[in-house]
Amino acid sequence: MFNYSNTWQLVINTATTIITFLMVFLIQSTQNRDTEAIQIKLDELIRATKGAHNALLDIEGLEEIHLDAFRAKYEALAELARKNTESGILDTDTPDYG
């Protein structure tokens, strides 16, 4: 329709692909930096909270099997809290995850 040559279309497609790749890389880098900052803030909150479990600091660096173990312990605590709430017991304490 506009009488563009195949070479011109190739140049435009290549440039678009490169720009898209660079934008994805930039967005991913920004998201990684934001995630790291949030993790540091959460670690500081855990560290500064009296009675918090310091074993949870930097938990994102653990292997999957260890993360699953922590998750199972907290799921058990949540289930116990739900049962206690149904029984009329307040869920406002900080039980040990054991």
PDB file of N, CA and C in Angstrom:
ATOM      1  N   MET A   1       0.818  -1.188   0.000  1.00  0.00           N
ATOM      2  CA  MET A   1       0.000   0.000   0.000  1.00  0.00           C
ATOM      3  C   MET A   1       0.868   1.262   0.000  1.00  0.00           C
ATOM      4  N   PHE A   2       1.893   1.285   0.870  1.00  0.00           N
ATOM      5  CA  PHE A   2       2.770   2.459   0.926  1.00  0.00           C
ATOM      6  C   PHE A   2       4.061   2.248   0.147  1.00  0.00           C
ATOM      7  N   ASN A   3       4.185   1.106  -0.479  1.00  0.00           N
ATOM      8  CA  ASN A   3       5.358   0.760  -1.287  1.00  0.00           C
ATOM      9  C   ASN A   3       6.663   0.736  -0.484  1.00  0.00           C
ATOM     10  N   TYR A   4       6.582   0.217   0.758  1.00  0.00           N
ATOM     11  CA  TYR A   4       7.797   0.046   1.550  1.00  0.00           C
ATOM     12  C   TYR A   4       8.523  -1.200   1.073  1.00  0.00           C
ATOM     13  N   SER A   5       9.832  -1.158   1.072  1.00  0.00           N
ATOM     14  CA  SER A   5      10.610  -2.316   0.645  1.00  0.00           C
ATOM     15  C   SER A   5      10.696  -3.329   1.789  1.00  0.00           C
ATOM     16  N   ASN A   6      11.077  -4.549   1.452  1.00  0.00           N
ATOM     17  CA  ASN A   6      11.247  -5.592   2.466  1.00  0.00           C
ATOM     18  C   ASN A   6      12.356  -5.233   3.443  1.00  0.00           C
ATOM     19  N   THR A   7      13.393  -4.567   2.968  1.00  0.00           N
ATOM     20  CA  THR A   7      14.493  -4.154   3.841  1.00  0.00           C
ATOM     21  C   THR A   7      13.995  -3.178   4.907  1.00  0.00           C
ATOM     22  N   TRP A   8      13.176  -2.234   4.504  1.00  0.00           N
ATOM     23  CA  TRP A   8      12.640  -1.247   5.446  1.00  0.00           C
ATOM     24  C   TRP A   8      11.773  -1.946   6.500  1.00  0.00           C
ATOM     25  N   GLN A   9      10.961  -2.887   6.108  1.00  0.00           N
ATOM     26  CA  GLN A   9      10.143  -3.631   7.059  1.00  0.00           C
ATOM     27  C   GLN A   9      11.008  -4.439   8.012  1.00  0.00           C
ATOM     28  N   LEU A  10      12.078  -5.022   7.517  1.00  0.00           N
ATOM     29  CA  LEU A  10      12.996  -5.780   8.347  1.00  0.00           C
ATOM     30  C   LEU A  10      13.651  -4.871   9.388  1.00  0.00           C
ATOM     31  N   VAL A  11      14.076  -3.686   8.972  1.00  0.00           N
ATOM     32  CA  VAL A  11      14.703  -2.735   9.896  1.00  0.00           C
ATOM     33  C   VAL A  11      13.720  -2.326  10.982  1.00  0.00           C
ATOM     34  N   ILE A  12      12.488  -2.012  10.610  1.00  0.00           N
ATOM     35  CA  ILE A  12      11.470  -1.605  11.575  1.00  0.00           C
ATOM     36  C   ILE A  12      11.157  -2.744  12.546  1.00  0.00           C
ATOM     37  N   ASN A  13      10.979  -3.943  12.038  1.00  0.00           N
ATOM     38  CA  ASN A  13      10.685  -5.098  12.905  1.00  0.00           C
ATOM     39  C   ASN A  13      11.841  -5.393  13.851  1.00  0.00           C
ATOM     40  N   THR A  14      13.063  -5.324  13.356  1.00  0.00           N
ATOM     41  CA  THR A  14      14.234  -5.565  14.202  1.00  0.00           C
ATOM     42  C   THR A  14      14.337  -4.508  15.285  1.00  0.00           C
ATOM     43  N   ALA A  15      14.158  -3.248  14.926  1.00  0.00           N
ATOM     44  CA  ALA A  15      14.228  -2.160  15.906  1.00  0.00           C
ATOM     45  C   ALA A  15      13.140  -2.306  16.963  1.00  0.00           C
ATOM     46  N   THR A  16      11.948  -2.656  16.525  1.00  0.00           N
ATOM     47  CA  THR A  16      10.844  -2.849  17.470  1.00  0.00           C
ATOM     48  C   THR A  16      11.140  -3.987  18.432  1.00  0.00           C
ATOM     49  N   THR A  17      11.680  -5.064  17.927  1.00  0.00           N
ATOM     50  CA  THR A  17      12.029  -6.207  18.772  1.00  0.00           C
ATOM     51  C   THR A  17      13.090  -5.834  19.789  1.00  0.00           C
ATOM     52  N   ILE A  18      14.113  -5.122  19.365  1.00  0.00           N
ATOM     53  CA  ILE A  18      15.193  -4.713  20.280  1.00  0.00           C
ATOM     54  C   ILE A  18      14.658  -3.771  21.352  1.00  0.00           C
ATOM     55  N   ILE A  19      13.848  -2.808  20.956  1.00  0.00           N
ATOM     56  CA  ILE A  19      13.286  -1.865  21.926  1.00  0.00           C
ATOM     57  C   ILE A  19      12.390  -2.594  22.920  1.00  0.00           C
ATOM     58  N   THR A  20      11.596  -3.536  22.437  1.00  0.00           N
ATOM     59  CA  THR A  20      10.737  -4.314  23.325  1.00  0.00           C
ATOM     60  C   THR A  20      11.565  -5.106  24.324  1.00  0.00           C
ATOM     61  N   PHE A  21      12.629  -5.746  23.851  1.00  0.00           N
ATOM     62  CA  PHE A  21      13.507  -6.500  24.733  1.00  0.00           C
ATOM     63  C   PHE A  21      14.116  -5.596  25.797  1.00  0.00           C
ATOM     64  N   LEU A  22      14.600  -4.440  25.399  1.00  0.00           N
ATOM     65  CA  LEU A  22      15.209  -3.518  26.361  1.00  0.00           C
ATOM     66  C   LEU A  22      14.186  -3.012  27.384  1.00  0.00           C
ATOM     67  N   MET A  23      12.962  -2.762  26.958  1.00  0.00           N
ATOM     68  CA  MET A  23      11.925  -2.303  27.880  1.00  0.00           C
ATOM     69  C   MET A  23      11.563  -3.402  28.881  1.00  0.00           C
ATOM     70  N   VAL A  24      11.476  -4.641  28.417  1.00  0.00           N
ATOM     71  CA  VAL A  24      11.195  -5.753  29.325  1.00  0.00           C
ATOM     72  C   VAL A  24      12.321  -5.885  30.341  1.00  0.00           C
ATOM     73  N   PHE A  25      13.552  -5.766  29.894  1.00  0.00           N
ATOM     74  CA  PHE A  25      14.699  -5.843  30.795  1.00  0.00           C
ATOM     75  C   PHE A  25      14.645  -4.720  31.822  1.00  0.00           C
ATOM     76  N   LEU A  26      14.324  -3.516  31.404  1.00  0.00           N
ATOM     77  CA  LEU A  26      14.225  -2.376  32.315  1.00  0.00           C
ATOM     78  C   LEU A  26      13.112  -2.576  33.335  1.00  0.00           C
ATOM     79  N   ILE A  27      11.959  -3.026  32.888  1.00  0.00           N
ATOM     80  CA  ILE A  27      10.838  -3.260  33.807  1.00  0.00           C
ATOM     81  C   ILE A  27      11.166  -4.363  34.802  1.00  0.00           C
ATOM     82  N   GLN A  28      11.778  -5.424  34.334  1.00  0.00           N
ATOM     83  CA  GLN A  28      12.146  -6.528  35.225  1.00  0.00           C
ATOM     84  C   GLN A  28      13.178  -6.069  36.248  1.00  0.00           C
ATOM     85  N   SER A  29      14.133  -5.287  35.823  1.00  0.00           N
ATOM     86  CA  SER A  29      15.143  -4.768  36.740  1.00  0.00           C
ATOM     87  C   SER A  29      14.502  -3.893  37.817  1.00  0.00           C
ATOM     88  N   THR A  30      13.566  -3.058  37.427  1.00  0.00           N
ATOM     89  CA  THR A  30      12.869  -2.195  38.378  1.00  0.00           C
ATOM     90  C   THR A  30      12.051  -3.023  39.363  1.00  0.00           C
ATOM     91  N   GLN A  31      11.351  -4.035  38.873  1.00  0.00           N
ATOM     92  CA  GLN A  31      10.568  -4.899  39.752  1.00  0.00           C
ATOM     93  C   GLN A  31      11.469  -5.652  40.724  1.00  0.00           C
ATOM     94  N   ASN A  32      12.602  -6.137  40.264  1.00  0.00           N
ATOM     95  CA  ASN A  32      13.530  -6.839  41.149  1.00  0.00           C
ATOM     96  C   ASN A  32      14.052  -5.918  42.236  1.00  0.00           C
ATOM     97  N   ARG A  33      14.367  -4.683  41.881  1.00  0.00           N
ATOM     98  CA  ARG A  33      14.851  -3.715  42.860  1.00  0.00           C
ATOM     99  C   ARG A  33      13.760  -3.401  43.886  1.00  0.00           C
ATOM    100  N   ASP A  34      12.529  -3.227  43.425  1.00  0.00           N
ATOM    101  CA  ASP A  34      11.418  -2.963  44.335  1.00  0.00           C
ATOM    102  C   ASP A  34      11.181  -4.138  45.279  1.00  0.00           C
ATOM    103  N   THR A  35      11.220  -5.345  44.734  1.00  0.00           N
ATOM    104  CA  THR A  35      11.026  -6.538  45.554  1.00  0.00           C
ATOM    105  C   THR A  35      12.122  -6.659  46.607  1.00  0.00           C
ATOM    106  N   GLU A  36      13.344  -6.384  46.224  1.00  0.00           N
ATOM    107  CA  GLU A  36      14.453  -6.455  47.175  1.00  0.00           C
ATOM    108  C   GLU A  36      14.286  -5.418  48.279  1.00  0.00           C
ATOM    109  N   ALA A  37      13.858  -4.214  47.922  1.00  0.00           N
ATOM    110  CA  ALA A  37      13.641  -3.171  48.923  1.00  0.00           C
ATOM    111  C   ALA A  37      12.526  -3.575  49.889  1.00  0.00           C
ATOM    112  N   ILE A  38      11.455  -4.161  49.378  1.00  0.00           N
ATOM    113  CA  ILE A  38      10.364  -4.604  50.241  1.00  0.00           C
ATOM    114  C   ILE A  38      10.841  -5.700  51.177  1.00  0.00           C
ATOM    115  N   GLN A  39      11.646  -6.636  50.679  1.00  0.00           N
ATOM    116  CA  GLN A  39      12.163  -7.708  51.523  1.00  0.00           C
ATOM    117  C   GLN A  39      13.045  -7.157  52.641  1.00  0.00           C
ATOM    118  N   ILE A  40      13.854  -6.159  52.334  1.00  0.00           N
ATOM    119  CA  ILE A  40      14.706  -5.549  53.359  1.00  0.00           C
ATOM    120  C   ILE A  40      13.848  -4.866  54.414  1.00  0.00           C
ATOM    121  N   LYS A  41      12.804  -4.177  53.981  1.00  0.00           N
ATOM    122  CA  LYS A  41      11.904  -3.518  54.934  1.00  0.00           C
ATOM    123  C   LYS A  41      11.201  -4.547  55.815  1.00  0.00           C
ATOM    124  N   LEU A  42      10.745  -5.643  55.217  1.00  0.00           N
ATOM    125  CA  LEU A  42      10.100  -6.687  56.012  1.00  0.00           C
ATOM    126  C   LEU A  42      11.082  -7.315  57.000  1.00  0.00           C
ATOM    127  N   ASP A  43      12.309  -7.548  56.554  1.00  0.00           N
ATOM    128  CA  ASP A  43      13.333  -8.080  57.458  1.00  0.00           C
ATOM    129  C   ASP A  43      13.557  -7.143  58.638  1.00  0.00           C
ATOM    130  N   GLU A  44      13.578  -5.838  58.381  1.00  0.00           N
ATOM    131  CA  GLU A  44      13.764  -4.871  59.460  1.00  0.00           C
ATOM    132  C   GLU A  44      12.582  -4.895  60.421  1.00  0.00           C
ATOM    133  N   LEU A  45      11.378  -5.025  59.904  1.00  0.00           N
ATOM    134  CA  LEU A  45      10.207  -5.113  60.782  1.00  0.00           C
ATOM    135  C   LEU A  45      10.258  -6.362  61.651  1.00  0.00           C
ATOM    136  N   ILE A  46      10.656  -7.472  61.073  1.00  0.00           N
ATOM    137  CA  ILE A  46      10.794  -8.703  61.848  1.00  0.00           C
ATOM    138  C   ILE A  46      11.871  -8.522  62.925  1.00  0.00           C
ATOM    139  N   ARG A  47      13.003  -7.965  62.525  1.00  0.00           N
ATOM    140  CA  ARG A  47      14.108  -7.784  63.466  1.00  0.00           C
ATOM    141  C   ARG A  47      13.728  -6.868  64.620  1.00  0.00           C
ATOM    142  N   ALA A  48      12.964  -5.830  64.341  1.00  0.00           N
ATOM    143  CA  ALA A  48      12.644  -4.824  65.350  1.00  0.00           C
ATOM    144  C   ALA A  48      11.444  -5.187  66.218  1.00  0.00           C
ATOM    145  N   THR A  49      10.684  -6.207  65.841  1.00  0.00           N
ATOM    146  CA  THR A  49       9.486  -6.578  66.585  1.00  0.00           C
ATOM    147  C   THR A  49       9.836  -7.548  67.700  1.00  0.00           C
ATOM    148  N   LYS A  50       9.477  -7.149  68.907  1.00  0.00           N
ATOM    149  CA  LYS A  50       9.741  -8.005  70.064  1.00  0.00           C
ATOM    150  C   LYS A  50       8.921  -9.283  69.930  1.00  0.00           C
ATOM    151  N   GLY A  51       9.547 -10.399  70.129  1.00  0.00           N
ATOM    152  CA  GLY A  51       8.870 -11.681  70.050  1.00  0.00           C
ATOM    153  C   GLY A  51       8.801 -12.263  68.644  1.00  0.00           C
ATOM    154  N   ALA A  52       9.298 -11.531  67.649  1.00  0.00           N
ATOM    155  CA  ALA A  52       9.278 -12.052  66.277  1.00  0.00           C
ATOM    156  C   ALA A  52      10.342 -13.126  66.113  1.00  0.00           C
ATOM    157  N   HIS A  53      10.122 -13.993  65.178  1.00  0.00           N
ATOM    158  CA  HIS A  53      11.061 -15.088  64.935  1.00  0.00           C
ATOM    159  C   HIS A  53      12.127 -14.623  63.953  1.00  0.00           C
ATOM    160  N   ASN A  54      13.330 -14.425  64.456  1.00  0.00           N
ATOM    161  CA  ASN A  54      14.423 -13.963  63.606  1.00  0.00           C
ATOM    162  C   ASN A  54      14.832 -14.991  62.557  1.00  0.00           C
ATOM    163  N   ALA A  55      14.377 -16.219  62.718  1.00  0.00           N
ATOM    164  CA  ALA A  55      14.667 -17.246  61.708  1.00  0.00           C
ATOM    165  C   ALA A  55      14.000 -16.905  60.381  1.00  0.00           C
ATOM    166  N   LEU A  56      13.019 -16.013  60.420  1.00  0.00           N
ATOM    167  CA  LEU A  56      12.319 -15.634  59.194  1.00  0.00           C
ATOM    168  C   LEU A  56      13.045 -14.545  58.413  1.00  0.00           C
ATOM    169  N   LEU A  57      14.083 -13.972  59.007  1.00  0.00           N
ATOM    170  CA  LEU A  57      14.850 -12.970  58.279  1.00  0.00           C
ATOM    171  C   LEU A  57      15.486 -13.612  57.052  1.00  0.00           C
ATOM    172  N   ASP A  58      15.421 -12.936  55.944  1.00  0.00           N
ATOM    173  CA  ASP A  58      16.029 -13.395  54.697  1.00  0.00           C
ATOM    174  C   ASP A  58      15.544 -14.791  54.291  1.00  0.00           C
ATOM    175  N   ILE A  59      14.280 -15.069  54.567  1.00  0.00           N
ATOM    176  CA  ILE A  59      13.717 -16.394  54.279  1.00  0.00           C
ATOM    177  C   ILE A  59      13.648 -16.676  52.783  1.00  0.00           C
ATOM    178  N   GLU A  60      13.593 -15.625  51.971  1.00  0.00           N
ATOM    179  CA  GLU A  60      13.475 -15.839  50.531  1.00  0.00           C
ATOM    180  C   GLU A  60      14.708 -16.517  49.949  1.00  0.00           C
ATOM    181  N   GLY A  61      15.802 -16.563  50.700  1.00  0.00           N
ATOM    182  CA  GLY A  61      17.008 -17.213  50.228  1.00  0.00           C
ATOM    183  C   GLY A  61      17.066 -18.704  50.546  1.00  0.00           C
ATOM    184  N   LEU A  62      16.071 -19.218  51.269  1.00  0.00           N
ATOM    185  CA  LEU A  62      16.080 -20.624  51.649  1.00  0.00           C
ATOM    186  C   LEU A  62      15.655 -21.516  50.488  1.00  0.00           C
ATOM    187  N   GLU A  63      16.006 -22.786  50.619  1.00  0.00           N
ATOM    188  CA  GLU A  63      15.583 -23.764  49.618  1.00  0.00           C
ATOM    189  C   GLU A  63      14.098 -24.061  49.780  1.00  0.00           C
ATOM    190  N   GLU A  64      13.512 -24.608  48.749  1.00  0.00           N
ATOM    191  CA  GLU A  64      12.063 -24.855  48.711  1.00  0.00           C
ATOM    192  C   GLU A  64      11.598 -25.746  49.862  1.00  0.00           C
ATOM    193  N   ILE A  65      12.393 -26.733  50.215  1.00  0.00           N
ATOM    194  CA  ILE A  65      11.985 -27.666  51.279  1.00  0.00           C
ATOM    195  C   ILE A  65      11.861 -26.938  52.618  1.00  0.00           C
ATOM    196  N   HIS A  66      12.761 -25.986  52.880  1.00  0.00           N
ATOM    197  CA  HIS A  66      12.702 -25.225  54.128  1.00  0.00           C
ATOM    198  C   HIS A  66      11.525 -24.244  54.110  1.00  0.00           C
ATOM    199  N   LEU A  67      11.268 -23.645  52.959  1.00  0.00           N
ATOM    200  CA  LEU A  67      10.109 -22.757  52.836  1.00  0.00           C
ATOM    201  C   LEU A  67       8.817 -23.538  53.072  1.00  0.00           C
ATOM    202  N   ASP A  68       8.740 -24.754  52.536  1.00  0.00           N
ATOM    203  CA  ASP A  68       7.553 -25.581  52.735  1.00  0.00           C
ATOM    204  C   ASP A  68       7.358 -25.911  54.212  1.00  0.00           C
ATOM    205  N   ALA A  69       8.457 -26.148  54.933  1.00  0.00           N
ATOM    206  CA  ALA A  69       8.360 -26.446  56.363  1.00  0.00           C
ATOM    207  C   ALA A  69       7.826 -25.242  57.132  1.00  0.00           C
ATOM    208  N   PHE A  70       8.349 -24.039  56.839  1.00  0.00           N
ATOM    209  CA  PHE A  70       7.833 -22.833  57.488  1.00  0.00           C
ATOM    210  C   PHE A  70       6.361 -22.629  57.144  1.00  0.00           C
ATOM    211  N   ARG A  71       6.015 -22.812  55.870  1.00  0.00           N
ATOM    212  CA  ARG A  71       4.629 -22.618  55.441  1.00  0.00           C
ATOM    213  C   ARG A  71       3.703 -23.581  56.173  1.00  0.00           C
ATOM    214  N   ALA A  72       4.117 -24.819  56.327  1.00  0.00           N
ATOM    215  CA  ALA A  72       3.284 -25.813  57.020  1.00  0.00           C
ATOM    216  C   ALA A  72       3.060 -25.411  58.472  1.00  0.00           C
ATOM    217  N   LYS A  73       4.103 -24.903  59.126  1.00  0.00           N
ATOM    218  CA  LYS A  73       3.953 -24.473  60.520  1.00  0.00           C
ATOM    219  C   LYS A  73       2.963 -23.315  60.635  1.00  0.00           C
ATOM    220  N   TYR A  74       3.051 -22.361  59.728  1.00  0.00           N
ATOM    221  CA  TYR A  74       2.151 -21.214  59.788  1.00  0.00           C
ATOM    222  C   TYR A  74       0.735 -21.589  59.352  1.00  0.00           C
ATOM    223  N   GLU A  75       0.592 -22.534  58.454  1.00  0.00           N
ATOM    224  CA  GLU A  75      -0.744 -23.011  58.100  1.00  0.00           C
ATOM    225  C   GLU A  75      -1.393 -23.711  59.279  1.00  0.00           C
ATOM    226  N   ALA A  76      -0.597 -24.462  60.059  1.00  0.00           N
ATOM    227  CA  ALA A  76      -1.126 -25.117  61.258  1.00  0.00           C
ATOM    228  C   ALA A  76      -1.553 -24.065  62.286  1.00  0.00           C
ATOM    229  N   LEU A  77      -0.754 -23.010  62.448  1.00  0.00           N
ATOM    230  CA  LEU A  77      -1.141 -21.926  63.362  1.00  0.00           C
ATOM    231  C   LEU A  77      -2.436 -21.256  62.905  1.00  0.00           C
ATOM    232  N   ALA A  78      -2.572 -21.029  61.619  1.00  0.00           N
ATOM    233  CA  ALA A  78      -3.782 -20.395  61.089  1.00  0.00           C
ATOM    234  C   ALA A  78      -4.998 -21.288  61.317  1.00  0.00           C
ATOM    235  N   GLU A  79      -4.857 -22.567  61.107  1.00  0.00           N
ATOM    236  CA  GLU A  79      -5.968 -23.499  61.328  1.00  0.00           C
ATOM    237  C   GLU A  79      -6.374 -23.508  62.795  1.00  0.00           C
ATOM    238  N   LEU A  80      -5.390 -23.534  63.688  1.00  0.00           N
ATOM    239  CA  LEU A  80      -5.674 -23.491  65.124  1.00  0.00           C
ATOM    240  C   LEU A  80      -6.380 -22.186  65.494  1.00  0.00           C
ATOM    241  N   ALA A  81      -5.940 -21.083  64.932  1.00  0.00           N
ATOM    242  CA  ALA A  81      -6.567 -19.785  65.210  1.00  0.00           C
ATOM    243  C   ALA A  81      -8.010 -19.763  64.722  1.00  0.00           C
ATOM    244  N   ARG A  82      -8.282 -20.347  63.561  1.00  0.00           N
ATOM    245  CA  ARG A  82      -9.662 -20.400  63.050  1.00  0.00           C
ATOM    246  C   ARG A  82     -10.557 -21.231  63.968  1.00  0.00           C
ATOM    247  N   LYS A  83     -10.029 -22.365  64.423  1.00  0.00           N
ATOM    248  CA  LYS A  83     -10.806 -23.207  65.338  1.00  0.00           C
ATOM    249  C   LYS A  83     -11.063 -22.482  66.651  1.00  0.00           C
ATOM    250  N   ASN A  84     -10.041 -21.795  67.165  1.00  0.00           N
ATOM    251  CA  ASN A  84     -10.208 -21.049  68.408  1.00  0.00           C
ATOM    252  C   ASN A  84     -11.218 -19.925  68.247  1.00  0.00           C
ATOM    253  N   THR A  85     -11.188 -19.250  67.109  1.00  0.00           N
ATOM    254  CA  THR A  85     -12.125 -18.162  66.854  1.00  0.00           C
ATOM    255  C   THR A  85     -13.550 -18.694  66.805  1.00  0.00           C
ATOM    256  N   GLU A  86     -13.748 -19.846  66.179  1.00  0.00           N
ATOM    257  CA  GLU A  86     -15.078 -20.459  66.134  1.00  0.00           C
ATOM    258  C   GLU A  86     -15.562 -20.834  67.528  1.00  0.00           C
ATOM    259  N   SER A  87     -14.630 -21.133  68.437  1.00  0.00           N
ATOM    260  CA  SER A  87     -14.977 -21.504  69.802  1.00  0.00           C
ATOM    261  C   SER A  87     -15.132 -20.284  70.704  1.00  0.00           C
ATOM    262  N   GLY A  88     -14.929 -19.102  70.156  1.00  0.00           N
ATOM    263  CA  GLY A  88     -15.084 -17.885  70.947  1.00  0.00           C
ATOM    264  C   GLY A  88     -13.807 -17.399  71.603  1.00  0.00           C
ATOM    265  N   ILE A  89     -12.693 -18.029  71.307  1.00  0.00           N
ATOM    266  CA  ILE A  89     -11.406 -17.605  71.871  1.00  0.00           C
ATOM    267  C   ILE A  89     -10.816 -16.545  70.957  1.00  0.00           C
ATOM    268  N   LEU A  90     -10.358 -15.445  71.559  1.00  0.00           N
ATOM    269  CA  LEU A  90      -9.775 -14.364  70.759  1.00  0.00           C
ATOM    270  C   LEU A  90      -8.473 -14.808  70.126  1.00  0.00           C
ATOM    271  N   ASP A  91      -8.223 -14.297  68.945  1.00  0.00           N
ATOM    272  CA  ASP A  91      -6.999 -14.613  68.214  1.00  0.00           C
ATOM    273  C   ASP A  91      -6.121 -13.368  68.176  1.00  0.00           C
ATOM    274  N   THR A  92      -5.629 -12.956  69.332  1.00  0.00           N
ATOM    275  CA  THR A  92      -4.837 -11.734  69.394  1.00  0.00           C
ATOM    276  C   THR A  92      -3.458 -11.947  69.991  1.00  0.00           C
ATOM    277  N   ASP A  93      -3.077 -13.156  70.285  1.00  0.00           N
ATOM    278  CA  ASP A  93      -1.759 -13.387  70.866  1.00  0.00           C
ATOM    279  C   ASP A  93      -0.734 -13.693  69.774  1.00  0.00           C
ATOM    280  N   THR A  94       0.473 -13.979  70.194  1.00  0.00           N
ATOM    281  CA  THR A  94       1.532 -14.346  69.252  1.00  0.00           C
ATOM    282  C   THR A  94       2.095 -15.702  69.662  1.00  0.00           C
ATOM    283  N   PRO A  95       1.424 -16.759  69.256  1.00  0.00           N
ATOM    284  CA  PRO A  95       1.892 -18.086  69.655  1.00  0.00           C
ATOM    285  C   PRO A  95       3.190 -18.457  68.974  1.00  0.00           C
ATOM    286  N   ASP A  96       3.930 -19.315  69.625  1.00  0.00           N
ATOM    287  CA  ASP A  96       5.162 -19.827  69.037  1.00  0.00           C
ATOM    288  C   ASP A  96       4.796 -20.790  67.914  1.00  0.00           C
ATOM    289  N   TYR A  97       5.538 -20.711  66.815  1.00  0.00           N
ATOM    290  CA  TYR A  97       5.232 -21.602  65.690  1.00  0.00           C
ATOM    291  C   TYR A  97       5.850 -22.970  65.874  1.00  0.00           C
ATOM    292  N   GLY A  98       6.638 -23.145  66.903  1.00  0.00           N
ATOM    293  CA  GLY A  98       7.120 -24.380  67.392  1.00  0.00           C
ATOM    294  C   GLY A  98       7.997 -25.238  66.661  1.00  0.00           C
TER     295      GLY A  98
END
